[in-house]
Amino acid sequence: MNSSQASSKDLSKGEIFDVLRNQRRRFVLQYLKRRNEPVELGELATQVAAWEYETTCENVSAEQRKRVYTTLQQTHLPRLAEVNIVHYDADDGVIEATDRANDLAIYLEIVPGHELPWREIYLSMGAVAIALCVAVWAEVPLSGVLDGIGWAFVISLAFTITAAVHVYHERNMRLADLDSPSEIELGEN
């Protein structure tokens, strides 16, 4: 069985991470996933260059585009095609994601290094809530500022706000749903 006939299950995690360790390859997969149709190499190179240089497609210089175009054509697209993540027709300059590319989405979901320690935040909030409950029960003077219902409201509000921030943060960290990869934190593509 050659690499183009292999199923996505045949790639080891090491091979997957080897392919995805390069930012340009991740940008290629991001763009192909968003477009969900074959794209021309020139169009792809322009968008990847825009993300890399943190500008719009219209402001990408010919030199920037050429630099990205060349490495995509000579290195990155052949590598992605070799492991059957994309179909790349070098003669026509057309690239299309394969089903295997969709299988890799889980590896691109959360951007590493930008995560908040949500478990620790919730654990700390729970500890503070328990301490406040004990203080109200023991009638500690500071707890007299609010009655039991007031403290319950404050605790519930704190958890609700934290959960809302958590949801917002997680949605913004998902690469597959963004207009531009969060690796570069752009306002526009």
N, C-alpha and C. Protein backbone atom coordinates (compact mmCIF):
# COMPACT_ATOMS: atom_id res chain seq x y z
N MET A 1 0.85 -1.18 0.00
CA MET A 1 0.00 0.00 0.00
C MET A 1 0.89 1.22 0.00
N ASN A 2 0.69 2.14 -0.96
CA ASN A 2 1.50 3.35 -0.96
C ASN A 2 0.86 4.41 -0.08
N SER A 3 1.58 5.51 0.13
CA SER A 3 1.10 6.53 1.08
C SER A 3 -0.19 7.17 0.63
N SER A 4 -0.44 7.25 -0.69
CA SER A 4 -1.67 7.87 -1.14
C SER A 4 -2.88 6.97 -0.95
N GLN A 5 -2.65 5.68 -0.71
CA GLN A 5 -3.75 4.75 -0.48
C GLN A 5 -3.98 4.52 1.01
N ALA A 6 -3.11 5.01 1.83
CA ALA A 6 -3.21 4.75 3.27
C ALA A 6 -4.40 5.48 3.85
N SER A 7 -4.99 4.87 4.86
CA SER A 7 -6.08 5.54 5.56
C SER A 7 -5.50 6.47 6.61
N SER A 8 -6.33 7.39 7.11
CA SER A 8 -5.85 8.35 8.10
C SER A 8 -5.40 7.66 9.37
N LYS A 9 -5.92 6.47 9.62
CA LYS A 9 -5.54 5.74 10.82
C LYS A 9 -4.09 5.27 10.76
N ASP A 10 -3.51 5.22 9.53
CA ASP A 10 -2.15 4.72 9.37
C ASP A 10 -1.08 5.72 9.77
N LEU A 11 -1.43 6.99 9.92
CA LEU A 11 -0.43 7.98 10.33
C LEU A 11 -0.25 7.89 11.84
N SER A 12 0.98 7.80 12.27
CA SER A 12 1.25 7.80 13.71
C SER A 12 1.14 9.24 14.21
N LYS A 13 1.00 9.38 15.53
CA LYS A 13 0.96 10.72 16.10
C LYS A 13 2.24 11.48 15.77
N GLY A 14 3.36 10.77 15.78
CA GLY A 14 4.62 11.41 15.44
C GLY A 14 4.62 11.98 14.03
N GLU A 15 4.07 11.20 13.08
CA GLU A 15 3.98 11.67 11.69
C GLU A 15 3.03 12.85 11.58
N ILE A 16 1.92 12.77 12.29
CA ILE A 16 0.95 13.87 12.26
C ILE A 16 1.59 15.14 12.78
N PHE A 17 2.24 15.05 13.93
CA PHE A 17 2.86 16.24 14.50
C PHE A 17 4.03 16.72 13.65
N ASP A 18 4.71 15.81 12.98
CA ASP A 18 5.79 16.22 12.08
C ASP A 18 5.22 17.05 10.94
N VAL A 19 4.11 16.61 10.38
CA VAL A 19 3.48 17.35 9.28
C VAL A 19 2.93 18.68 9.78
N LEU A 20 2.32 18.69 10.96
CA LEU A 20 1.65 19.89 11.45
C LEU A 20 2.55 20.85 12.22
N ARG A 21 3.80 20.48 12.43
CA ARG A 21 4.67 21.36 13.22
C ARG A 21 5.00 22.65 12.48
N ASN A 22 4.83 22.65 11.17
CA ASN A 22 5.15 23.83 10.38
C ASN A 22 3.92 24.73 10.26
N GLN A 23 4.11 26.00 10.58
CA GLN A 23 3.00 26.96 10.56
C GLN A 23 2.38 27.09 9.17
N ARG A 24 3.19 27.10 8.14
CA ARG A 24 2.63 27.22 6.78
C ARG A 24 1.71 26.07 6.45
N ARG A 25 2.09 24.88 6.84
CA ARG A 25 1.22 23.73 6.57
C ARG A 25 -0.09 23.85 7.34
N ARG A 26 -0.01 24.33 8.57
CA ARG A 26 -1.25 24.54 9.34
C ARG A 26 -2.11 25.60 8.68
N PHE A 27 -1.49 26.67 8.18
CA PHE A 27 -2.24 27.71 7.48
C PHE A 27 -2.90 27.14 6.22
N VAL A 28 -2.19 26.29 5.50
CA VAL A 28 -2.74 25.66 4.30
C VAL A 28 -4.00 24.87 4.67
N LEU A 29 -3.90 24.05 5.70
CA LEU A 29 -5.05 23.24 6.11
C LEU A 29 -6.19 24.12 6.59
N GLN A 30 -5.88 25.19 7.30
CA GLN A 30 -6.90 26.13 7.77
C GLN A 30 -7.66 26.71 6.57
N TYR A 31 -6.93 27.17 5.58
CA TYR A 31 -7.56 27.80 4.43
C TYR A 31 -8.37 26.79 3.61
N LEU A 32 -7.81 25.62 3.39
CA LEU A 32 -8.54 24.60 2.63
C LEU A 32 -9.81 24.17 3.35
N LYS A 33 -9.73 24.07 4.66
CA LYS A 33 -10.91 23.69 5.44
C LYS A 33 -11.99 24.77 5.32
N ARG A 34 -11.59 26.01 5.39
CA ARG A 34 -12.54 27.11 5.29
C ARG A 34 -13.18 27.16 3.91
N ARG A 35 -12.39 27.01 2.87
CA ARG A 35 -12.90 27.10 1.50
C ARG A 35 -13.72 25.88 1.10
N ASN A 36 -13.32 24.71 1.57
CA ASN A 36 -14.04 23.47 1.30
C ASN A 36 -14.24 23.22 -0.20
N GLU A 37 -13.25 23.62 -0.98
CA GLU A 37 -13.25 23.39 -2.42
C GLU A 37 -11.81 23.51 -2.91
N PRO A 38 -11.52 23.01 -4.11
CA PRO A 38 -10.16 23.15 -4.64
C PRO A 38 -9.79 24.63 -4.77
N VAL A 39 -8.52 24.94 -4.48
CA VAL A 39 -8.04 26.31 -4.61
C VAL A 39 -6.78 26.33 -5.47
N GLU A 40 -6.55 27.46 -6.09
CA GLU A 40 -5.35 27.64 -6.92
C GLU A 40 -4.17 27.97 -6.01
N LEU A 41 -3.00 27.53 -6.42
CA LEU A 41 -1.80 27.77 -5.64
C LEU A 41 -1.54 29.26 -5.41
N GLY A 42 -1.77 30.07 -6.41
CA GLY A 42 -1.56 31.52 -6.26
C GLY A 42 -2.45 32.13 -5.20
N GLU A 43 -3.71 31.74 -5.20
CA GLU A 43 -4.66 32.23 -4.19
C GLU A 43 -4.24 31.78 -2.79
N LEU A 44 -3.87 30.52 -2.68
CA LEU A 44 -3.43 29.97 -1.39
C LEU A 44 -2.18 30.69 -0.90
N ALA A 45 -1.21 30.89 -1.79
CA ALA A 45 0.04 31.56 -1.41
C ALA A 45 -0.23 32.98 -0.94
N THR A 46 -1.14 33.67 -1.59
CA THR A 46 -1.46 35.04 -1.20
C THR A 46 -2.07 35.08 0.20
N GLN A 47 -3.00 34.17 0.48
CA GLN A 47 -3.64 34.16 1.80
C GLN A 47 -2.65 33.78 2.89
N VAL A 48 -1.85 32.76 2.66
CA VAL A 48 -0.86 32.34 3.65
C VAL A 48 0.13 33.48 3.91
N ALA A 49 0.56 34.15 2.85
CA ALA A 49 1.48 35.29 3.02
C ALA A 49 0.81 36.40 3.83
N ALA A 50 -0.46 36.65 3.58
CA ALA A 50 -1.17 37.69 4.34
C ALA A 50 -1.19 37.35 5.82
N TRP A 51 -1.45 36.09 6.16
CA TRP A 51 -1.44 35.69 7.56
C TRP A 51 -0.05 35.79 8.15
N GLU A 52 0.95 35.34 7.40
CA GLU A 52 2.32 35.36 7.92
C GLU A 52 2.83 36.78 8.15
N TYR A 53 2.50 37.68 7.24
CA TYR A 53 2.99 39.05 7.33
C TYR A 53 2.00 39.98 8.02
N GLU A 54 0.95 39.39 8.56
CA GLU A 54 -0.06 40.11 9.33
C GLU A 54 -0.59 41.32 8.56
N THR A 55 -1.09 41.03 7.37
CA THR A 55 -1.64 42.07 6.53
C THR A 55 -2.84 41.50 5.77
N THR A 56 -3.40 42.28 4.89
CA THR A 56 -4.50 41.80 4.06
C THR A 56 -3.95 41.20 2.77
N CYS A 57 -4.77 40.44 2.09
CA CYS A 57 -4.34 39.86 0.81
C CYS A 57 -3.96 40.95 -0.19
N GLU A 58 -4.69 42.05 -0.16
CA GLU A 58 -4.43 43.14 -1.08
C GLU A 58 -3.08 43.80 -0.83
N ASN A 59 -2.59 43.75 0.40
CA ASN A 59 -1.33 44.42 0.75
C ASN A 59 -0.11 43.50 0.72
N VAL A 60 -0.29 42.26 0.31
CA VAL A 60 0.84 41.34 0.20
C VAL A 60 1.69 41.77 -0.99
N SER A 61 2.99 41.93 -0.77
CA SER A 61 3.88 42.33 -1.87
C SER A 61 4.17 41.13 -2.76
N ALA A 62 4.64 41.42 -3.96
CA ALA A 62 5.00 40.35 -4.90
C ALA A 62 6.11 39.48 -4.32
N GLU A 63 7.05 40.09 -3.63
CA GLU A 63 8.16 39.33 -3.03
C GLU A 63 7.66 38.40 -1.93
N GLN A 64 6.76 38.90 -1.08
CA GLN A 64 6.21 38.06 0.00
C GLN A 64 5.44 36.88 -0.59
N ARG A 65 4.62 37.17 -1.59
CA ARG A 65 3.82 36.12 -2.22
C ARG A 65 4.72 35.08 -2.88
N LYS A 66 5.74 35.53 -3.59
CA LYS A 66 6.65 34.62 -4.28
C LYS A 66 7.38 33.72 -3.29
N ARG A 67 7.81 34.29 -2.18
CA ARG A 67 8.52 33.51 -1.16
C ARG A 67 7.64 32.38 -0.65
N VAL A 68 6.39 32.70 -0.34
CA VAL A 68 5.45 31.69 0.16
C VAL A 68 5.09 30.70 -0.95
N TYR A 69 4.81 31.21 -2.13
CA TYR A 69 4.45 30.38 -3.28
C TYR A 69 5.51 29.31 -3.52
N THR A 70 6.76 29.73 -3.54
CA THR A 70 7.86 28.81 -3.84
C THR A 70 7.97 27.71 -2.81
N THR A 71 7.91 28.06 -1.53
CA THR A 71 8.06 27.01 -0.50
C THR A 71 6.83 26.11 -0.45
N LEU A 72 5.66 26.66 -0.72
CA LEU A 72 4.47 25.79 -0.79
C LEU A 72 4.63 24.80 -1.94
N GLN A 73 5.02 25.31 -3.09
CA GLN A 73 5.13 24.48 -4.29
C GLN A 73 6.22 23.42 -4.17
N GLN A 74 7.35 23.78 -3.60
CA GLN A 74 8.50 22.87 -3.58
C GLN A 74 8.57 21.98 -2.35
N THR A 75 8.01 22.44 -1.24
CA THR A 75 8.20 21.70 0.02
C THR A 75 6.90 21.26 0.67
N HIS A 76 6.07 22.22 1.02
CA HIS A 76 4.93 21.94 1.90
C HIS A 76 3.80 21.16 1.23
N LEU A 77 3.41 21.56 0.04
CA LEU A 77 2.33 20.83 -0.63
C LEU A 77 2.74 19.41 -1.02
N PRO A 78 3.96 19.21 -1.55
CA PRO A 78 4.37 17.82 -1.80
C PRO A 78 4.38 16.97 -0.52
N ARG A 79 4.78 17.56 0.60
CA ARG A 79 4.79 16.80 1.87
C ARG A 79 3.37 16.45 2.29
N LEU A 80 2.45 17.40 2.19
CA LEU A 80 1.05 17.13 2.55
C LEU A 80 0.43 16.11 1.60
N ALA A 81 0.80 16.17 0.33
CA ALA A 81 0.29 15.20 -0.65
C ALA A 81 0.89 13.82 -0.41
N GLU A 82 2.14 13.78 0.00
CA GLU A 82 2.83 12.51 0.26
C GLU A 82 2.11 11.67 1.31
N VAL A 83 1.54 12.34 2.30
CA VAL A 83 0.82 11.62 3.37
C VAL A 83 -0.70 11.69 3.16
N ASN A 84 -1.10 12.04 1.94
CA ASN A 84 -2.50 12.03 1.53
C ASN A 84 -3.39 12.95 2.37
N ILE A 85 -2.86 14.10 2.74
CA ILE A 85 -3.66 15.09 3.46
C ILE A 85 -4.30 16.05 2.46
N VAL A 86 -3.61 16.28 1.35
CA VAL A 86 -4.17 17.09 0.26
C VAL A 86 -3.94 16.38 -1.06
N HIS A 87 -4.78 16.71 -2.03
CA HIS A 87 -4.52 16.35 -3.43
C HIS A 87 -3.87 17.59 -4.02
N TYR A 88 -2.72 17.41 -4.60
CA TYR A 88 -1.99 18.53 -5.19
C TYR A 88 -1.62 18.19 -6.61
N ASP A 89 -2.21 18.90 -7.55
CA ASP A 89 -1.89 18.73 -8.96
C ASP A 89 -0.88 19.82 -9.32
N ALA A 90 0.39 19.45 -9.34
CA ALA A 90 1.46 20.42 -9.58
C ALA A 90 1.36 21.04 -10.98
N ASP A 91 0.85 20.29 -11.95
CA ASP A 91 0.73 20.82 -13.31
C ASP A 91 -0.31 21.92 -13.39
N ASP A 92 -1.45 21.71 -12.74
CA ASP A 92 -2.53 22.70 -12.76
C ASP A 92 -2.41 23.71 -11.62
N GLY A 93 -1.62 23.39 -10.61
CA GLY A 93 -1.48 24.28 -9.46
C GLY A 93 -2.75 24.34 -8.62
N VAL A 94 -3.45 23.21 -8.51
CA VAL A 94 -4.71 23.15 -7.76
C VAL A 94 -4.53 22.23 -6.56
N ILE A 95 -5.04 22.70 -5.42
CA ILE A 95 -4.91 21.96 -4.16
C ILE A 95 -6.29 21.74 -3.59
N GLU A 96 -6.51 20.54 -3.04
CA GLU A 96 -7.79 20.22 -2.40
C GLU A 96 -7.52 19.35 -1.17
N ALA A 97 -8.23 19.63 -0.10
CA ALA A 97 -8.11 18.82 1.12
C ALA A 97 -8.73 17.45 0.88
N THR A 98 -8.15 16.44 1.49
CA THR A 98 -8.71 15.09 1.44
C THR A 98 -9.50 14.83 2.72
N ASP A 99 -10.14 13.67 2.78
CA ASP A 99 -10.85 13.30 4.01
C ASP A 99 -9.87 13.19 5.18
N ARG A 100 -8.66 12.81 4.88
CA ARG A 100 -7.64 12.70 5.93
C ARG A 100 -7.41 14.06 6.59
N ALA A 101 -7.48 15.15 5.83
CA ALA A 101 -7.30 16.49 6.40
C ALA A 101 -8.35 16.75 7.47
N ASN A 102 -9.58 16.31 7.22
CA ASN A 102 -10.64 16.48 8.22
C ASN A 102 -10.34 15.69 9.49
N ASP A 103 -9.70 14.53 9.33
CA ASP A 103 -9.35 13.72 10.49
C ASP A 103 -8.30 14.41 11.37
N LEU A 104 -7.55 15.34 10.79
CA LEU A 104 -6.51 16.04 11.54
C LEU A 104 -7.04 17.26 12.30
N ALA A 105 -8.30 17.59 12.10
CA ALA A 105 -8.87 18.79 12.72
C ALA A 105 -8.70 18.79 14.23
N ILE A 106 -8.79 17.64 14.85
CA ILE A 106 -8.67 17.58 16.31
C ILE A 106 -7.30 18.06 16.78
N TYR A 107 -6.28 17.86 15.95
CA TYR A 107 -4.94 18.30 16.32
C TYR A 107 -4.77 19.81 16.16
N LEU A 108 -5.69 20.45 15.45
CA LEU A 108 -5.63 21.88 15.24
C LEU A 108 -6.64 22.65 16.07
N GLU A 109 -7.47 21.95 16.83
CA GLU A 109 -8.57 22.60 17.54
C GLU A 109 -8.13 23.69 18.51
N ILE A 110 -7.24 23.35 19.40
CA ILE A 110 -6.83 24.32 20.41
C ILE A 110 -5.39 24.71 20.16
N VAL A 111 -5.15 25.98 20.17
CA VAL A 111 -3.80 26.47 19.97
C VAL A 111 -3.01 26.28 21.24
N PRO A 112 -1.94 25.48 21.22
CA PRO A 112 -1.16 25.26 22.43
C PRO A 112 -0.44 26.52 22.87
N GLY A 113 -0.25 26.64 24.18
CA GLY A 113 0.49 27.76 24.72
C GLY A 113 -0.36 28.97 25.04
N HIS A 114 -1.63 28.94 24.65
CA HIS A 114 -2.51 30.07 24.91
C HIS A 114 -3.67 29.68 25.82
N GLU A 115 -3.54 28.57 26.48
CA GLU A 115 -4.63 28.06 27.30
C GLU A 115 -4.58 28.64 28.70
N LEU A 116 -5.73 28.91 29.24
CA LEU A 116 -5.83 29.32 30.63
C LEU A 116 -6.03 28.08 31.49
N PRO A 117 -5.57 28.10 32.73
CA PRO A 117 -5.72 26.93 33.60
C PRO A 117 -7.14 26.86 34.18
N TRP A 118 -8.11 26.52 33.35
CA TRP A 118 -9.51 26.57 33.77
C TRP A 118 -9.80 25.66 34.95
N ARG A 119 -9.20 24.49 35.02
CA ARG A 119 -9.44 23.60 36.17
C ARG A 119 -9.06 24.30 37.46
N GLU A 120 -7.90 24.96 37.44
CA GLU A 120 -7.43 25.64 38.64
C GLU A 120 -8.32 26.84 38.99
N ILE A 121 -8.80 27.53 37.97
CA ILE A 121 -9.69 28.67 38.21
C ILE A 121 -10.98 28.19 38.88
N TYR A 122 -11.59 27.14 38.33
CA TYR A 122 -12.83 26.63 38.91
C TYR A 122 -12.59 26.04 40.30
N LEU A 123 -11.49 25.37 40.50
CA LEU A 123 -11.17 24.82 41.82
C LEU A 123 -11.01 25.95 42.84
N SER A 124 -10.32 27.00 42.47
CA SER A 124 -10.15 28.15 43.37
C SER A 124 -11.48 28.81 43.68
N MET A 125 -12.30 28.97 42.66
CA MET A 125 -13.62 29.58 42.89
C MET A 125 -14.46 28.71 43.82
N GLY A 126 -14.39 27.40 43.64
CA GLY A 126 -15.12 26.50 44.53
C GLY A 126 -14.64 26.62 45.97
N ALA A 127 -13.33 26.72 46.15
CA ALA A 127 -12.77 26.86 47.50
C ALA A 127 -13.22 28.16 48.14
N VAL A 128 -13.23 29.25 47.37
CA VAL A 128 -13.70 30.54 47.90
C VAL A 128 -15.19 30.46 48.24
N ALA A 129 -15.98 29.81 47.39
CA ALA A 129 -17.41 29.67 47.66
C ALA A 129 -17.65 28.89 48.94
N ILE A 130 -16.90 27.80 49.14
CA ILE A 130 -17.05 27.02 50.38
C ILE A 130 -16.65 27.86 51.58
N ALA A 131 -15.56 28.60 51.47
CA ALA A 131 -15.11 29.45 52.57
C ALA A 131 -16.16 30.50 52.91
N LEU A 132 -16.79 31.09 51.90
CA LEU A 132 -17.85 32.07 52.16
C LEU A 132 -19.07 31.42 52.82
N CYS A 133 -19.42 30.22 52.37
CA CYS A 133 -20.55 29.51 52.99
C CYS A 133 -20.26 29.22 54.46
N VAL A 134 -19.06 28.78 54.76
CA VAL A 134 -18.67 28.51 56.15
C VAL A 134 -18.70 29.81 56.95
N ALA A 135 -18.22 30.90 56.36
CA ALA A 135 -18.21 32.19 57.06
C ALA A 135 -19.63 32.66 57.36
N VAL A 136 -20.53 32.50 56.41
CA VAL A 136 -21.93 32.89 56.64
C VAL A 136 -22.54 32.01 57.72
N TRP A 137 -22.29 30.71 57.65
CA TRP A 137 -22.83 29.78 58.64
C TRP A 137 -22.29 30.09 60.03
N ALA A 138 -21.00 30.43 60.11
CA ALA A 138 -20.38 30.71 61.42
C ALA A 138 -20.62 32.16 61.85
N GLU A 139 -21.33 32.92 61.03
CA GLU A 139 -21.65 34.32 61.32
C GLU A 139 -20.40 35.16 61.58
N VAL A 140 -19.39 34.96 60.74
CA VAL A 140 -18.17 35.77 60.78
C VAL A 140 -18.57 37.19 60.40
N PRO A 141 -18.05 38.22 61.09
CA PRO A 141 -18.48 39.61 60.86
C PRO A 141 -18.44 40.05 59.38
N LEU A 142 -17.41 39.69 58.64
CA LEU A 142 -17.32 40.11 57.24
C LEU A 142 -18.47 39.54 56.42
N SER A 143 -18.94 38.36 56.80
CA SER A 143 -20.01 37.74 56.04
C SER A 143 -21.34 38.43 56.27
N GLY A 144 -21.43 39.31 57.25
CA GLY A 144 -22.67 40.02 57.53
C GLY A 144 -22.98 41.12 56.55
N VAL A 145 -22.06 41.42 55.62
CA VAL A 145 -22.30 42.45 54.62
C VAL A 145 -23.52 42.08 53.78
N LEU A 146 -23.64 40.81 53.45
CA LEU A 146 -24.78 40.30 52.70
C LEU A 146 -25.38 39.14 53.48
N ASP A 147 -26.67 38.89 53.26
CA ASP A 147 -27.27 37.71 53.89
C ASP A 147 -26.94 36.48 53.04
N GLY A 148 -27.42 35.32 53.43
CA GLY A 148 -27.12 34.07 52.73
C GLY A 148 -27.52 34.11 51.26
N ILE A 149 -28.70 34.66 50.97
CA ILE A 149 -29.16 34.75 49.58
C ILE A 149 -28.25 35.69 48.78
N GLY A 150 -27.83 36.77 49.38
CA GLY A 150 -26.93 37.71 48.71
C GLY A 150 -25.62 37.06 48.32
N TRP A 151 -25.03 36.29 49.27
CA TRP A 151 -23.77 35.60 48.97
C TRP A 151 -23.98 34.52 47.92
N ALA A 152 -25.12 33.83 47.98
CA ALA A 152 -25.41 32.81 46.97
C ALA A 152 -25.49 33.45 45.58
N PHE A 153 -26.09 34.64 45.53
CA PHE A 153 -26.18 35.35 44.26
C PHE A 153 -24.78 35.75 43.76
N VAL A 154 -23.94 36.28 44.65
CA VAL A 154 -22.59 36.70 44.27
C VAL A 154 -21.78 35.50 43.75
N ILE A 155 -21.87 34.38 44.46
CA ILE A 155 -21.14 33.18 44.05
C ILE A 155 -21.66 32.67 42.71
N SER A 156 -22.98 32.62 42.55
CA SER A 156 -23.56 32.17 41.27
C SER A 156 -23.17 33.09 40.13
N LEU A 157 -23.19 34.39 40.38
CA LEU A 157 -22.80 35.36 39.36
C LEU A 157 -21.33 35.18 38.97
N ALA A 158 -20.47 34.97 39.96
CA ALA A 158 -19.04 34.77 39.67
C ALA A 158 -18.82 33.53 38.81
N PHE A 159 -19.50 32.43 39.14
CA PHE A 159 -19.36 31.21 38.34
C PHE A 159 -19.92 31.40 36.93
N THR A 160 -21.04 32.10 36.82
CA THR A 160 -21.65 32.33 35.51
C THR A 160 -20.74 33.19 34.63
N ILE A 161 -20.20 34.25 35.18
CA ILE A 161 -19.29 35.11 34.41
C ILE A 161 -18.04 34.34 34.00
N THR A 162 -17.49 33.57 34.93
CA THR A 162 -16.29 32.78 34.61
C THR A 162 -16.59 31.77 33.51
N ALA A 163 -17.72 31.10 33.60
CA ALA A 163 -18.09 30.12 32.58
C ALA A 163 -18.28 30.80 31.22
N ALA A 164 -18.89 31.99 31.21
CA ALA A 164 -19.08 32.72 29.96
C ALA A 164 -17.73 33.11 29.35
N VAL A 165 -16.81 33.56 30.17
CA VAL A 165 -15.46 33.90 29.69
C VAL A 165 -14.77 32.64 29.16
N HIS A 166 -14.95 31.53 29.85
CA HIS A 166 -14.36 30.25 29.43
C HIS A 166 -14.89 29.86 28.04
N VAL A 167 -16.18 29.92 27.86
CA VAL A 167 -16.79 29.57 26.57
C VAL A 167 -16.28 30.51 25.48
N TYR A 168 -16.26 31.80 25.76
CA TYR A 168 -15.77 32.78 24.79
C TYR A 168 -14.32 32.49 24.42
N HIS A 169 -13.50 32.25 25.42
CA HIS A 169 -12.08 31.96 25.20
C HIS A 169 -11.90 30.71 24.36
N GLU A 170 -12.62 29.64 24.69
CA GLU A 170 -12.48 28.39 23.95
C GLU A 170 -12.92 28.55 22.49
N ARG A 171 -13.98 29.28 22.26
CA ARG A 171 -14.44 29.49 20.88
C ARG A 171 -13.42 30.29 20.08
N ASN A 172 -12.79 31.26 20.70
CA ASN A 172 -11.81 32.07 20.00
C ASN A 172 -10.50 31.34 19.77
N MET A 173 -10.25 30.27 20.51
CA MET A 173 -9.01 29.52 20.34
C MET A 173 -9.15 28.43 19.29
N ARG A 174 -10.34 28.20 18.79
CA ARG A 174 -10.53 27.15 17.80
C ARG A 174 -10.10 27.66 16.43
N LEU A 175 -9.10 27.02 15.87
CA LEU A 175 -8.58 27.43 14.58
C LEU A 175 -9.57 27.20 13.45
N ALA A 176 -10.28 26.13 13.53
CA ALA A 176 -11.12 25.75 12.41
C ALA A 176 -12.26 26.72 12.17
N ASP A 177 -12.62 27.53 13.14
CA ASP A 177 -13.76 28.41 13.00
C ASP A 177 -13.37 29.88 12.84
N LEU A 178 -12.10 30.19 12.76
CA LEU A 178 -11.68 31.58 12.73
C LEU A 178 -11.50 32.10 11.31
N ASP A 179 -11.65 33.40 11.16
CA ASP A 179 -11.36 34.02 9.88
C ASP A 179 -9.86 34.05 9.63
N SER A 180 -9.08 34.19 10.68
CA SER A 180 -7.62 34.13 10.55
C SER A 180 -7.09 33.29 11.70
N PRO A 181 -6.04 32.55 11.46
CA PRO A 181 -5.50 31.69 12.51
C PRO A 181 -5.12 32.50 13.75
N SER A 182 -5.52 32.01 14.91
CA SER A 182 -5.24 32.74 16.14
C SER A 182 -3.77 32.71 16.51
N GLU A 183 -2.98 31.92 15.79
CA GLU A 183 -1.54 31.92 16.02
C GLU A 183 -0.96 33.30 15.78
N ILE A 184 -1.65 34.11 14.95
CA ILE A 184 -1.11 35.41 14.63
C ILE A 184 -2.01 36.55 15.09
N GLU A 185 -3.18 36.23 15.67
CA GLU A 185 -4.05 37.23 16.28
C GLU A 185 -4.31 38.43 15.37
N LEU A 186 -4.84 38.20 14.19
CA LEU A 186 -5.16 39.28 13.28
C LEU A 186 -6.58 39.77 13.48
N GLY A 187 -6.81 41.04 13.21
CA GLY A 187 -8.14 41.58 13.24
C GLY A 187 -8.89 41.25 11.95
N GLU A 188 -8.19 41.26 10.83
CA GLU A 188 -8.76 40.93 9.52
C GLU A 188 -7.76 40.12 8.73
N ASN A 189 -8.26 39.37 7.72
CA ASN A 189 -7.30 38.70 6.84
C ASN A 189 -7.03 39.56 5.66
